[in-house]
């Protein structure tokens, strides 16, 4: 293979490994997704094992996770009984699936914890001395700040999920002036 093609292939695989690690997924998942994304043909588990340099058990386990996240799918290759996979190439679909199944749940859990902490602090105020009440008020203010952030995140995720696809470049450009600030209506 040409050195440039090989370098880009390796760079994409490694880059996606770093990206998945950043978002809390196994770097191996990113390497596998990258290998499939950069392959014009479906790849078998054996081929993936060779490309990413991991054991068959690791490759198999991570491929199951990628399937659950909708990042890859098993495909049938005529005349071969082995399992083959291809990547979901629509990154909008991948991100939507992850936001729907993981991020929405995590924000919901965070909001429930924050609601519970607010309730506990409000209930405790009556039995606290003056100094402790001041601290409880301080805590309440901080909890409410974090709560506002997560409520905004929940709304943003819902708007993101309602959108049929990524914004067009023209929409983004129209929303901002030449300085990068939001354009005035």
N, C-alpha and C. Protein backbone atom coordinates (compact mmCIF):
# COMPACT_ATOMS: atom_id res chain seq x y z
N UNK A 1 0.85 -1.18 0.00
CA UNK A 1 0.00 0.00 0.00
C UNK A 1 0.89 1.24 0.00
N UNK A 2 0.47 2.27 -0.69
CA UNK A 2 1.18 3.54 -0.74
C UNK A 2 1.38 4.08 0.68
N UNK A 3 2.53 4.71 0.94
CA UNK A 3 2.85 5.20 2.28
C UNK A 3 1.85 6.25 2.77
N UNK A 4 1.40 7.12 1.89
CA UNK A 4 0.42 8.14 2.28
C UNK A 4 -0.90 7.49 2.67
N UNK A 5 -1.36 6.53 1.86
CA UNK A 5 -2.61 5.84 2.18
C UNK A 5 -2.48 5.10 3.51
N UNK A 6 -1.35 4.46 3.71
CA UNK A 6 -1.11 3.72 4.95
C UNK A 6 -1.08 4.67 6.14
N UNK A 7 -0.43 5.83 5.99
CA UNK A 7 -0.33 6.80 7.09
C UNK A 7 -1.70 7.35 7.46
N UNK A 8 -2.52 7.67 6.46
CA UNK A 8 -3.86 8.18 6.73
C UNK A 8 -4.70 7.11 7.41
N UNK A 9 -4.60 5.88 6.94
CA UNK A 9 -5.34 4.76 7.52
C UNK A 9 -4.99 4.62 9.00
N UNK A 10 -3.70 4.58 9.31
CA UNK A 10 -3.24 4.44 10.70
C UNK A 10 -3.65 5.64 11.54
N UNK A 11 -3.53 6.83 10.97
CA UNK A 11 -3.89 8.06 11.69
C UNK A 11 -5.37 8.05 12.07
N UNK A 12 -6.21 7.63 11.16
CA UNK A 12 -7.65 7.57 11.43
C UNK A 12 -7.97 6.55 12.52
N UNK A 13 -7.36 5.39 12.44
CA UNK A 13 -7.60 4.35 13.45
C UNK A 13 -7.15 4.85 14.82
N UNK A 14 -5.95 5.41 14.89
CA UNK A 14 -5.43 5.90 16.17
C UNK A 14 -6.23 7.09 16.68
N UNK A 15 -6.58 7.99 15.78
CA UNK A 15 -7.35 9.17 16.17
C UNK A 15 -8.72 8.81 16.72
N UNK A 16 -9.38 7.86 16.08
CA UNK A 16 -10.69 7.44 16.59
C UNK A 16 -10.55 6.70 17.92
N UNK A 17 -9.44 6.02 18.12
CA UNK A 17 -9.18 5.40 19.43
C UNK A 17 -9.05 6.46 20.51
N UNK A 18 -8.35 7.54 20.22
CA UNK A 18 -8.20 8.64 21.18
C UNK A 18 -9.54 9.32 21.43
N UNK A 19 -10.31 9.51 20.37
CA UNK A 19 -11.60 10.18 20.49
C UNK A 19 -12.56 9.36 21.35
N UNK A 20 -12.64 8.07 21.12
CA UNK A 20 -13.54 7.24 21.91
C UNK A 20 -13.11 7.21 23.37
N UNK A 21 -11.80 7.21 23.61
CA UNK A 21 -11.29 7.25 24.97
C UNK A 21 -11.73 8.55 25.65
N UNK A 22 -11.65 9.66 24.93
CA UNK A 22 -12.05 10.97 25.45
C UNK A 22 -13.52 10.94 25.88
N UNK A 23 -14.37 10.24 25.13
CA UNK A 23 -15.79 10.19 25.43
C UNK A 23 -16.18 9.04 26.35
N UNK A 24 -15.18 8.40 26.95
CA UNK A 24 -15.45 7.38 27.96
C UNK A 24 -15.67 5.98 27.44
N UNK A 25 -15.31 5.75 26.19
CA UNK A 25 -15.41 4.41 25.63
C UNK A 25 -13.99 3.84 25.54
N UNK A 26 -13.90 2.55 25.34
CA UNK A 26 -12.60 1.89 25.21
C UNK A 26 -11.90 2.36 23.93
N UNK A 27 -10.60 2.67 24.02
CA UNK A 27 -9.87 3.04 22.80
C UNK A 27 -9.92 1.92 21.75
N UNK A 28 -9.99 0.68 22.21
CA UNK A 28 -10.07 -0.45 21.27
C UNK A 28 -11.33 -0.33 20.41
N UNK A 29 -12.42 0.14 21.02
CA UNK A 29 -13.65 0.34 20.25
C UNK A 29 -13.41 1.35 19.14
N UNK A 30 -12.68 2.41 19.44
CA UNK A 30 -12.37 3.42 18.42
C UNK A 30 -11.48 2.87 17.33
N UNK A 31 -10.50 2.05 17.73
CA UNK A 31 -9.61 1.44 16.74
C UNK A 31 -10.41 0.53 15.80
N UNK A 32 -11.30 -0.27 16.38
CA UNK A 32 -12.11 -1.18 15.56
C UNK A 32 -13.04 -0.40 14.64
N UNK A 33 -13.69 0.62 15.20
CA UNK A 33 -14.59 1.44 14.39
C UNK A 33 -13.80 2.11 13.27
N UNK A 34 -12.63 2.63 13.59
CA UNK A 34 -11.79 3.27 12.58
C UNK A 34 -11.38 2.32 11.48
N UNK A 35 -11.00 1.10 11.87
CA UNK A 35 -10.60 0.09 10.88
C UNK A 35 -11.75 -0.20 9.92
N UNK A 36 -12.95 -0.32 10.48
CA UNK A 36 -14.12 -0.60 9.64
C UNK A 36 -14.53 0.62 8.81
N UNK A 37 -14.46 1.79 9.40
CA UNK A 37 -14.84 3.01 8.69
C UNK A 37 -13.92 3.24 7.49
N UNK A 38 -12.66 2.89 7.64
CA UNK A 38 -11.69 3.13 6.57
C UNK A 38 -11.57 1.97 5.59
N UNK A 39 -12.38 0.93 5.79
CA UNK A 39 -12.32 -0.22 4.90
C UNK A 39 -13.47 -0.18 3.89
N UNK A 40 -13.15 -0.23 2.59
CA UNK A 40 -14.22 -0.23 1.60
C UNK A 40 -15.02 -1.53 1.59
N UNK A 41 -14.49 -2.57 2.21
CA UNK A 41 -15.15 -3.87 2.26
C UNK A 41 -15.38 -4.26 3.72
N UNK A 42 -16.41 -5.08 3.99
CA UNK A 42 -16.60 -5.58 5.35
C UNK A 42 -15.36 -6.36 5.80
N UNK A 43 -15.11 -6.37 7.10
CA UNK A 43 -13.95 -7.08 7.65
C UNK A 43 -14.42 -8.16 8.62
N UNK A 44 -13.68 -9.27 8.64
CA UNK A 44 -13.97 -10.36 9.56
C UNK A 44 -13.32 -10.08 10.90
N UNK A 45 -13.72 -10.83 11.91
CA UNK A 45 -13.09 -10.70 13.23
C UNK A 45 -11.60 -10.99 13.16
N UNK A 46 -11.22 -11.98 12.35
CA UNK A 46 -9.79 -12.31 12.19
C UNK A 46 -9.02 -11.13 11.61
N UNK A 47 -9.59 -10.49 10.60
CA UNK A 47 -8.93 -9.33 9.98
C UNK A 47 -8.84 -8.17 10.97
N UNK A 48 -9.90 -7.96 11.73
CA UNK A 48 -9.90 -6.88 12.72
C UNK A 48 -8.87 -7.15 13.82
N UNK A 49 -8.77 -8.40 14.23
CA UNK A 49 -7.79 -8.80 15.24
C UNK A 49 -6.38 -8.44 14.76
N UNK A 50 -6.11 -8.73 13.51
CA UNK A 50 -4.79 -8.44 12.94
C UNK A 50 -4.54 -6.93 12.83
N UNK A 51 -5.54 -6.19 12.40
CA UNK A 51 -5.39 -4.74 12.20
C UNK A 51 -5.14 -4.01 13.52
N UNK A 52 -5.92 -4.34 14.55
CA UNK A 52 -5.80 -3.60 15.81
C UNK A 52 -4.83 -4.25 16.79
N UNK A 53 -4.35 -5.44 16.48
CA UNK A 53 -3.36 -6.09 17.33
C UNK A 53 -3.88 -6.48 18.70
N UNK A 54 -5.11 -6.92 18.76
CA UNK A 54 -5.72 -7.35 20.03
C UNK A 54 -6.16 -8.80 19.91
N UNK A 55 -6.44 -9.41 21.04
CA UNK A 55 -6.86 -10.81 21.05
C UNK A 55 -8.25 -10.94 20.45
N UNK A 56 -8.55 -12.15 20.02
CA UNK A 56 -9.87 -12.42 19.44
C UNK A 56 -10.96 -12.14 20.47
N UNK A 57 -10.73 -12.48 21.73
CA UNK A 57 -11.72 -12.23 22.79
C UNK A 57 -11.97 -10.73 22.95
N UNK A 58 -10.92 -9.94 22.96
CA UNK A 58 -11.06 -8.49 23.09
C UNK A 58 -11.80 -7.90 21.90
N UNK A 59 -11.42 -8.35 20.70
CA UNK A 59 -12.07 -7.85 19.49
C UNK A 59 -13.55 -8.23 19.50
N UNK A 60 -13.86 -9.45 19.85
CA UNK A 60 -15.23 -9.92 19.86
C UNK A 60 -16.07 -9.14 20.88
N UNK A 61 -15.54 -8.96 22.08
CA UNK A 61 -16.26 -8.24 23.13
C UNK A 61 -16.51 -6.78 22.72
N UNK A 62 -15.50 -6.13 22.17
CA UNK A 62 -15.65 -4.74 21.76
C UNK A 62 -16.56 -4.60 20.55
N UNK A 63 -16.57 -5.57 19.67
CA UNK A 63 -17.47 -5.53 18.52
C UNK A 63 -18.93 -5.64 18.98
N UNK A 64 -19.18 -6.47 19.99
CA UNK A 64 -20.54 -6.56 20.53
C UNK A 64 -20.98 -5.20 21.10
N UNK A 65 -20.06 -4.53 21.78
CA UNK A 65 -20.37 -3.20 22.32
C UNK A 65 -20.64 -2.21 21.19
N UNK A 66 -19.83 -2.25 20.16
CA UNK A 66 -20.03 -1.35 19.01
C UNK A 66 -21.38 -1.62 18.33
N UNK A 67 -21.76 -2.88 18.27
CA UNK A 67 -23.07 -3.22 17.70
C UNK A 67 -24.20 -2.64 18.56
N UNK A 68 -24.06 -2.77 19.89
CA UNK A 68 -25.09 -2.23 20.79
C UNK A 68 -25.23 -0.72 20.63
N UNK A 69 -24.12 -0.04 20.38
CA UNK A 69 -24.16 1.41 20.22
C UNK A 69 -24.56 1.82 18.80
N UNK A 70 -24.79 0.85 17.92
CA UNK A 70 -25.20 1.16 16.56
C UNK A 70 -24.08 1.71 15.69
N UNK A 71 -22.84 1.47 16.10
CA UNK A 71 -21.70 1.99 15.36
C UNK A 71 -21.25 1.05 14.25
N UNK A 72 -21.54 -0.24 14.41
CA UNK A 72 -21.21 -1.24 13.39
C UNK A 72 -22.38 -2.20 13.26
N UNK A 73 -22.38 -2.93 12.17
CA UNK A 73 -23.40 -3.96 11.98
C UNK A 73 -22.75 -5.18 11.33
N UNK A 74 -23.31 -6.32 11.68
CA UNK A 74 -22.84 -7.56 11.08
C UNK A 74 -23.44 -7.66 9.69
N UNK A 75 -22.62 -8.11 8.73
CA UNK A 75 -23.09 -8.28 7.36
C UNK A 75 -22.73 -9.69 6.88
N UNK A 76 -23.47 -10.14 5.92
CA UNK A 76 -23.24 -11.46 5.35
C UNK A 76 -22.38 -11.32 4.11
N UNK A 77 -21.36 -12.17 4.01
CA UNK A 77 -20.50 -12.20 2.83
C UNK A 77 -20.72 -13.54 2.15
N UNK A 78 -21.16 -13.49 0.91
CA UNK A 78 -21.49 -14.70 0.16
C UNK A 78 -20.31 -15.66 0.12
N UNK A 79 -20.60 -16.91 0.44
CA UNK A 79 -19.59 -17.96 0.37
C UNK A 79 -18.67 -18.04 1.58
N UNK A 80 -18.94 -17.28 2.63
CA UNK A 80 -18.08 -17.29 3.82
C UNK A 80 -18.97 -17.36 5.06
N UNK A 81 -18.64 -18.26 5.97
CA UNK A 81 -19.45 -18.46 7.16
C UNK A 81 -18.97 -17.60 8.33
N UNK A 82 -17.84 -16.93 8.17
CA UNK A 82 -17.32 -16.09 9.26
C UNK A 82 -18.20 -14.86 9.42
N UNK A 83 -18.08 -14.23 10.61
CA UNK A 83 -18.79 -12.97 10.86
C UNK A 83 -18.01 -11.83 10.23
N UNK A 84 -18.72 -11.00 9.51
CA UNK A 84 -18.14 -9.80 8.92
C UNK A 84 -18.89 -8.59 9.43
N UNK A 85 -18.19 -7.47 9.46
CA UNK A 85 -18.78 -6.23 9.97
C UNK A 85 -18.46 -5.07 9.05
N UNK A 86 -19.35 -4.06 9.11
CA UNK A 86 -19.08 -2.79 8.46
C UNK A 86 -19.48 -1.68 9.43
N UNK A 87 -18.87 -0.51 9.26
CA UNK A 87 -19.14 0.62 10.13
C UNK A 87 -20.37 1.38 9.67
N UNK A 88 -21.07 1.96 10.63
CA UNK A 88 -22.11 2.95 10.31
C UNK A 88 -21.34 4.21 9.94
N UNK A 89 -21.44 4.62 8.69
CA UNK A 89 -20.63 5.75 8.23
C UNK A 89 -21.30 7.10 8.48
N UNK A 90 -22.57 7.10 8.84
CA UNK A 90 -23.27 8.34 9.13
C UNK A 90 -23.01 8.71 10.59
N UNK A 91 -22.06 9.61 10.82
CA UNK A 91 -21.67 9.96 12.18
C UNK A 91 -22.82 10.63 12.93
N UNK A 92 -23.71 11.31 12.24
CA UNK A 92 -24.88 11.90 12.88
C UNK A 92 -25.71 10.79 13.53
N UNK A 93 -25.90 9.69 12.83
CA UNK A 93 -26.65 8.55 13.35
C UNK A 93 -25.95 7.97 14.57
N UNK A 94 -24.63 7.83 14.51
CA UNK A 94 -23.86 7.29 15.63
C UNK A 94 -24.02 8.18 16.86
N UNK A 95 -23.83 9.48 16.68
CA UNK A 95 -23.91 10.41 17.81
C UNK A 95 -25.33 10.42 18.38
N UNK A 96 -26.33 10.44 17.52
CA UNK A 96 -27.73 10.41 18.00
C UNK A 96 -27.99 9.18 18.85
N UNK A 97 -27.54 8.02 18.39
CA UNK A 97 -27.75 6.78 19.12
C UNK A 97 -27.10 6.84 20.50
N UNK A 98 -25.88 7.35 20.55
CA UNK A 98 -25.17 7.43 21.83
C UNK A 98 -25.87 8.43 22.76
N UNK A 99 -26.25 9.56 22.23
CA UNK A 99 -26.94 10.57 23.06
C UNK A 99 -28.26 10.00 23.58
N UNK A 100 -29.00 9.32 22.71
CA UNK A 100 -30.29 8.75 23.12
C UNK A 100 -30.12 7.69 24.20
N UNK A 101 -29.13 6.84 24.05
CA UNK A 101 -29.05 5.69 24.95
C UNK A 101 -28.15 5.91 26.16
N UNK A 102 -27.19 6.80 26.09
CA UNK A 102 -26.28 6.96 27.22
C UNK A 102 -26.37 8.33 27.85
N UNK A 103 -26.19 9.37 27.08
CA UNK A 103 -26.09 10.71 27.63
C UNK A 103 -27.40 11.18 28.25
N UNK A 104 -28.50 10.89 27.58
CA UNK A 104 -29.81 11.29 28.12
C UNK A 104 -30.01 10.64 29.49
N UNK A 105 -29.68 9.38 29.62
CA UNK A 105 -29.83 8.66 30.89
C UNK A 105 -28.93 9.28 31.97
N UNK A 106 -27.69 9.59 31.62
CA UNK A 106 -26.75 10.15 32.59
C UNK A 106 -27.20 11.52 33.08
N UNK A 107 -27.72 12.35 32.18
CA UNK A 107 -28.23 13.66 32.59
C UNK A 107 -29.45 13.48 33.50
N UNK A 108 -30.29 12.53 33.19
CA UNK A 108 -31.45 12.23 34.04
C UNK A 108 -31.04 11.80 35.43
N UNK A 109 -30.02 10.97 35.52
CA UNK A 109 -29.51 10.53 36.83
C UNK A 109 -28.95 11.73 37.60
N UNK A 110 -28.18 12.57 36.92
CA UNK A 110 -27.61 13.75 37.58
C UNK A 110 -28.72 14.66 38.10
N UNK A 111 -29.76 14.89 37.30
CA UNK A 111 -30.87 15.74 37.74
C UNK A 111 -31.59 15.14 38.95
N UNK A 112 -31.76 13.83 38.97
CA UNK A 112 -32.41 13.18 40.11
C UNK A 112 -31.58 13.35 41.38
N UNK A 113 -30.27 13.20 41.28
CA UNK A 113 -29.38 13.38 42.43
C UNK A 113 -29.44 14.83 42.92
N UNK A 114 -29.43 15.77 41.99
CA UNK A 114 -29.50 17.19 42.36
C UNK A 114 -30.83 17.52 43.03
N UNK A 115 -31.94 16.99 42.51
CA UNK A 115 -33.25 17.19 43.14
C UNK A 115 -33.26 16.64 44.56
N UNK A 116 -32.69 15.45 44.72
CA UNK A 116 -32.64 14.82 46.04
C UNK A 116 -31.79 15.65 47.01
N UNK A 117 -30.65 16.15 46.54
CA UNK A 117 -29.80 16.99 47.40
C UNK A 117 -30.52 18.28 47.79
N UNK A 118 -31.24 18.88 46.87
CA UNK A 118 -32.00 20.09 47.17
C UNK A 118 -33.06 19.79 48.23
N UNK A 119 -33.78 18.71 48.07
CA UNK A 119 -34.81 18.31 49.03
C UNK A 119 -34.20 18.10 50.41
N UNK A 120 -33.08 17.38 50.50
CA UNK A 120 -32.42 17.11 51.78
C UNK A 120 -31.98 18.40 52.46
N UNK A 121 -31.41 19.30 51.69
CA UNK A 121 -30.94 20.57 52.27
C UNK A 121 -32.12 21.40 52.78
N UNK A 122 -33.20 21.45 52.01
CA UNK A 122 -34.37 22.21 52.43
C UNK A 122 -34.96 21.63 53.72
N UNK A 123 -35.04 20.31 53.81
CA UNK A 123 -35.57 19.65 55.01
C UNK A 123 -34.66 19.88 56.21
N UNK A 124 -33.36 19.91 55.99
CA UNK A 124 -32.41 20.02 57.09
C UNK A 124 -32.34 21.43 57.67
N UNK A 125 -32.69 22.44 56.90
CA UNK A 125 -32.51 23.83 57.35
C UNK A 125 -33.18 24.11 58.70
N UNK A 126 -34.35 23.55 58.96
CA UNK A 126 -35.08 23.83 60.19
C UNK A 126 -34.33 23.38 61.44
N UNK A 127 -33.53 22.35 61.35
CA UNK A 127 -32.83 21.83 62.53
C UNK A 127 -31.39 22.31 62.64
N UNK A 128 -30.95 23.11 61.72
CA UNK A 128 -29.56 23.57 61.72
C UNK A 128 -29.41 24.86 62.52
N UNK A 129 -28.21 25.04 63.08
CA UNK A 129 -27.93 26.32 63.74
C UNK A 129 -27.67 27.37 62.67
N UNK A 130 -27.51 28.61 63.07
CA UNK A 130 -27.37 29.71 62.12
C UNK A 130 -26.18 29.53 61.18
N UNK A 131 -25.06 29.12 61.71
CA UNK A 131 -23.86 28.93 60.87
C UNK A 131 -24.08 27.80 59.85
N UNK A 132 -24.68 26.72 60.31
CA UNK A 132 -24.96 25.60 59.41
C UNK A 132 -26.00 25.97 58.35
N UNK A 133 -26.99 26.80 58.74
CA UNK A 133 -27.99 27.25 57.75
C UNK A 133 -27.34 28.06 56.64
N UNK A 134 -26.37 28.91 57.02
CA UNK A 134 -25.65 29.69 56.02
C UNK A 134 -24.91 28.76 55.06
N UNK A 135 -24.29 27.74 55.62
CA UNK A 135 -23.58 26.77 54.77
C UNK A 135 -24.58 26.01 53.89
N UNK A 136 -25.73 25.66 54.46
CA UNK A 136 -26.76 24.97 53.67
C UNK A 136 -27.23 25.86 52.53
N UNK A 137 -27.41 27.15 52.77
CA UNK A 137 -27.81 28.10 51.72
C UNK A 137 -26.74 28.18 50.63
N UNK A 138 -25.47 28.19 51.06
CA UNK A 138 -24.36 28.20 50.11
C UNK A 138 -24.42 26.94 49.25
N UNK A 139 -24.60 25.78 49.90
CA UNK A 139 -24.71 24.51 49.17
C UNK A 139 -25.89 24.55 48.19
N UNK A 140 -27.03 25.05 48.66
CA UNK A 140 -28.21 25.14 47.80
C UNK A 140 -27.93 25.97 46.56
N UNK A 141 -27.25 27.08 46.74
CA UNK A 141 -26.93 27.94 45.59
C UNK A 141 -26.06 27.18 44.60
N UNK A 142 -25.07 26.44 45.08
CA UNK A 142 -24.18 25.69 44.19
C UNK A 142 -24.92 24.55 43.50
N UNK A 143 -25.76 23.85 44.27
CA UNK A 143 -26.54 22.75 43.69
C UNK A 143 -27.47 23.30 42.61
N UNK A 144 -28.10 24.43 42.86
CA UNK A 144 -29.01 25.01 41.87
C UNK A 144 -28.26 25.46 40.62
N UNK A 145 -27.02 25.95 40.77
CA UNK A 145 -26.21 26.30 39.59
C UNK A 145 -25.94 25.07 38.74
N UNK A 146 -25.54 24.00 39.39
CA UNK A 146 -25.25 22.76 38.65
C UNK A 146 -26.54 22.22 38.04
N UNK A 147 -27.62 22.31 38.79
CA UNK A 147 -28.92 21.85 38.31
C UNK A 147 -29.33 22.62 37.05
N UNK A 148 -29.13 23.92 37.05
CA UNK A 148 -29.47 24.75 35.88
C UNK A 148 -28.66 24.30 34.66
N UNK A 149 -27.38 24.00 34.90
CA UNK A 149 -26.54 23.53 33.79
C UNK A 149 -27.09 22.23 33.21
N UNK A 150 -27.43 21.26 34.08
CA UNK A 150 -27.92 19.98 33.59
C UNK A 150 -29.30 20.10 32.96
N UNK A 151 -30.12 21.02 33.45
CA UNK A 151 -31.41 21.24 32.80
C UNK A 151 -31.21 21.80 31.40
N UNK A 152 -30.25 22.72 31.25
CA UNK A 152 -29.91 23.23 29.93
C UNK A 152 -29.40 22.10 29.03
N UNK A 153 -28.53 21.24 29.58
CA UNK A 153 -27.99 20.11 28.81
C UNK A 153 -29.12 19.19 28.36
N UNK A 154 -30.10 18.96 29.22
CA UNK A 154 -31.23 18.09 28.86
C UNK A 154 -32.03 18.70 27.72
N UNK A 155 -32.27 20.00 27.78
CA UNK A 155 -33.02 20.68 26.72
C UNK A 155 -32.22 20.63 25.41
N UNK A 156 -30.91 20.91 25.51
CA UNK A 156 -30.07 20.89 24.31
C UNK A 156 -30.05 19.51 23.68
N UNK A 157 -29.98 18.46 24.50
CA UNK A 157 -29.99 17.10 23.95
C UNK A 157 -31.30 16.80 23.26
N UNK A 158 -32.42 17.22 23.85
CA UNK A 158 -33.71 16.97 23.23
C UNK A 158 -33.82 17.69 21.89
N UNK A 159 -33.36 18.94 21.84
CA UNK A 159 -33.37 19.67 20.58
C UNK A 159 -32.48 18.98 19.54
N UNK A 160 -31.32 18.53 19.98
CA UNK A 160 -30.38 17.81 19.12
C UNK A 160 -31.05 16.55 18.56
N UNK A 161 -31.72 15.81 19.44
CA UNK A 161 -32.34 14.55 19.02
C UNK A 161 -33.55 14.77 18.11
N UNK A 162 -34.23 15.89 18.24
CA UNK A 162 -35.37 16.18 17.39
C UNK A 162 -34.94 16.56 15.98
N UNK A 163 -33.73 17.03 15.85
CA UNK A 163 -33.22 17.48 14.55
C UNK A 163 -33.02 16.26 13.66
N UNK A 164 -33.41 16.36 12.41
CA UNK A 164 -33.31 15.23 11.49
C UNK A 164 -31.90 14.93 11.01
N UNK A 165 -31.03 15.90 11.08
CA UNK A 165 -29.66 15.72 10.60
C UNK A 165 -28.81 16.88 11.07
N UNK A 166 -27.56 16.87 10.72
CA UNK A 166 -26.68 17.96 11.17
C UNK A 166 -27.08 19.27 10.50
N UNK A 167 -26.77 20.39 11.16
CA UNK A 167 -27.10 21.67 10.53
C UNK A 167 -26.28 21.86 9.26
N UNK A 168 -26.88 22.51 8.28
CA UNK A 168 -26.15 22.81 7.06
C UNK A 168 -25.18 23.95 7.35
N UNK A 169 -24.08 23.99 6.63
CA UNK A 169 -23.07 25.03 6.82
C UNK A 169 -23.70 26.42 6.70
N UNK A 170 -24.64 26.57 5.77
CA UNK A 170 -25.29 27.86 5.57
C UNK A 170 -26.05 28.30 6.83
N UNK A 171 -26.65 27.34 7.54
CA UNK A 171 -27.37 27.66 8.78
C UNK A 171 -26.41 28.17 9.85
N UNK A 172 -25.27 27.52 9.94
CA UNK A 172 -24.27 27.92 10.94
C UNK A 172 -23.72 29.30 10.61
N UNK A 173 -23.38 29.50 9.34
CA UNK A 173 -22.84 30.80 8.91
C UNK A 173 -23.86 31.90 9.14
N UNK A 174 -25.12 31.63 8.83
CA UNK A 174 -26.16 32.65 9.00
C UNK A 174 -26.36 33.01 10.47
N UNK A 175 -26.08 32.08 11.36
CA UNK A 175 -26.28 32.33 12.79
C UNK A 175 -25.16 33.17 13.42
N UNK A 176 -24.03 33.28 12.74
CA UNK A 176 -22.89 34.00 13.30
C UNK A 176 -22.39 35.06 12.31
N UNK A 177 -21.94 36.18 12.88
CA UNK A 177 -21.36 37.21 12.00
C UNK A 177 -19.89 36.89 11.76
N UNK A 178 -19.20 37.75 11.06
CA UNK A 178 -17.80 37.49 10.69
C UNK A 178 -16.84 37.45 11.89
N UNK A 179 -17.26 37.94 13.06
CA UNK A 179 -16.39 37.91 14.23
C UNK A 179 -16.58 36.65 15.04
N UNK A 180 -17.52 35.82 14.65
CA UNK A 180 -17.77 34.58 15.39
C UNK A 180 -18.84 34.76 16.47
N UNK A 181 -19.39 35.96 16.59
CA UNK A 181 -20.46 36.19 17.56
C UNK A 181 -21.79 35.89 16.90
N UNK A 182 -22.76 35.58 17.76
CA UNK A 182 -24.10 35.31 17.23
C UNK A 182 -24.63 36.54 16.52
N UNK A 183 -25.18 36.31 15.33
CA UNK A 183 -25.75 37.41 14.56
C UNK A 183 -27.02 37.89 15.26
N UNK A 184 -27.28 39.18 15.16
CA UNK A 184 -28.49 39.74 15.77
C UNK A 184 -29.66 39.55 14.83
N UNK A 185 -30.80 39.25 15.41
CA UNK A 185 -32.02 39.03 14.61
C UNK A 185 -32.53 40.32 14.04
